[in-house]
Every structure is written in C-alpha cells, then in structure tokens.
Amino acid sequence: MPTSLIVLAHPEGRSFNGDWARASADGLSAAGHDVIWSDLYAQGFDPVEGPAHFPPRPDGFDVSEAHSDAVEHGHVPADVAAEIAKVEAADAVIFHFPVWWFGPPAMLKGWFDRVFVDGILHGSGRVFDTGPCRGKRALFCVTAGASAAQCAPSGKEGDLRLVLWPLAHALRYCGFSVLEPYIAPGVHRSHRPAGKILMEGQLKQLLADHPKRMAAIDRLPVWASNPDSDFDERGSLKPGAPVFSPFIRHEE
C-alpha cells in the first residue's frame, strides 16, 4: 500500500486550505493510499532552527554541523525525527499552504530548515539525482489572494510558479520528483458580494473535483527541471542544455 504525507501549513484548520487538504486525503485514501499528516500549526511545530535544539558547541552554532553531529551522535530533536520518519515513509508528499507576502508561510519554510537534515534527507554525494528521496513525489497545492491574471508570468504580482521554485528546488535537492503545482488564485475574504459568490462556487467545484485528481497522483505531470547530466564538472549548465526556469539559465 502506498503512503502519502499531507503537510498542511495554515493556522486555521477550517480554512479553505484545510478543506483542500482533507479533499486530498479523501482522494488518496479512495485510491488505496495510507494517508499520514503533518498539520504544522495544530501540532505546534517549532519552525525556528537554532542552538536551543542542540547541545552547546564551543565554536558556536552552525546549522549544517549541528545537523551532522545530531545524526552521528543520535540526538536529532524528537519533533524533527518524527517529521523525518514521515517523509521517509511517504511515497508522495502533498503540501497545502497559502502564499503570504510572495512566499510560503514562515512555518513551512521553518519546517524545511529543520527537517531536511544533513546526513539523512541529503548529504555529501547524495543530492539531486542521487538524493535519498529519489522515487518520491512532491506536490504543492497553493492558494493565492491575487487573481489568476495578477500571478501569471505577465502579472503585476509576479509569476507564482517562480515564488514556488525555491521550495521545489529544495525538494529536488533531496531527490524528489516535483509535480506540476496546483494553484487556486483569488482566495481571500475581501471580495464584494458578487465576487464572493463566484469565488465560493469555484472553490466548491475545486473541492468536488480534487479527490479524483489525487487518486491519479501517479500519473500527474512532473514539473520539468534539469537533470544532473545537464551540468558540467563545475556545476554550470552545459551549452545547448534546455532551460526550464529563469533561476537556471545560460549566461548571455
């Protein structure tokens, strides 16, 4: 039986993000998945990485060294160890969160900071195509207050896919195959009455359709990115290699 982890990063469980996450769980369960959860706000996850989580070091705190020492000496913080165990158990990880101030909530970024421990979910010589999470899939289900036009590539608020790119690349660094994201734009409470009715109808339809979409997660398209073979020995993109993002492109 496949296992899917849902990571919900929204402070209100009754929000649309919460409803959407439950719709994901329904579709995955109907498809025979064992669904496990990390509801980060509900479980009180501490997103702030720092020396308080580790034994004191005489030479000061360094995140990478603290992680490596914790793995070597068996003192990975208990809350982080629990999250790592979920990621390791999962065949797919589905992230549900809103975009706030052109980025993910600090809670989710902090989850990445603390849970992607050096020596477990990545490590020397075990990144990208050889990362420990190769074979696992990741999917972003994201809400934005901006309209579809505003968060499009030509939109005033900028291309939302580029906002998601750093998180996607962190997952790729650990070996995940990242799927094309699902974005629900225009989700906010300040719509005028007619706009509110339209938004609520659209979101209701999204929730109705979503379980079927999640039941087909094995067939969802992958968000294209450059494999290791597209880079030379310096780590630079080879001439003629395709470009999938402004973040990795040929120098002019």
Foldseek 3Di string as FASTA:
>chain_A
DAEEEEEEEDQDCPDLLNLLSVLLVLLCVVLPYHYDYCDPNVVVPDLDDDDVQADDDPVGDDLQVRLVVCVVVVRQRPVLVVVLVNLLRHLEYEYGAEDDPLATPSSVVSNLSRNCGEPRLAYVVQFQQNAPNASHEYEYEYEYLADPQQCPCPHVVHPSVVNCVVVVRSNNGNRHFYFDYHYHYNDDDPDDPVVVVVSVVVSVVCSVPVSNVSSVVVPGHTQDDDGPVQADPVRAGDPPDDDRDPVHDDDD
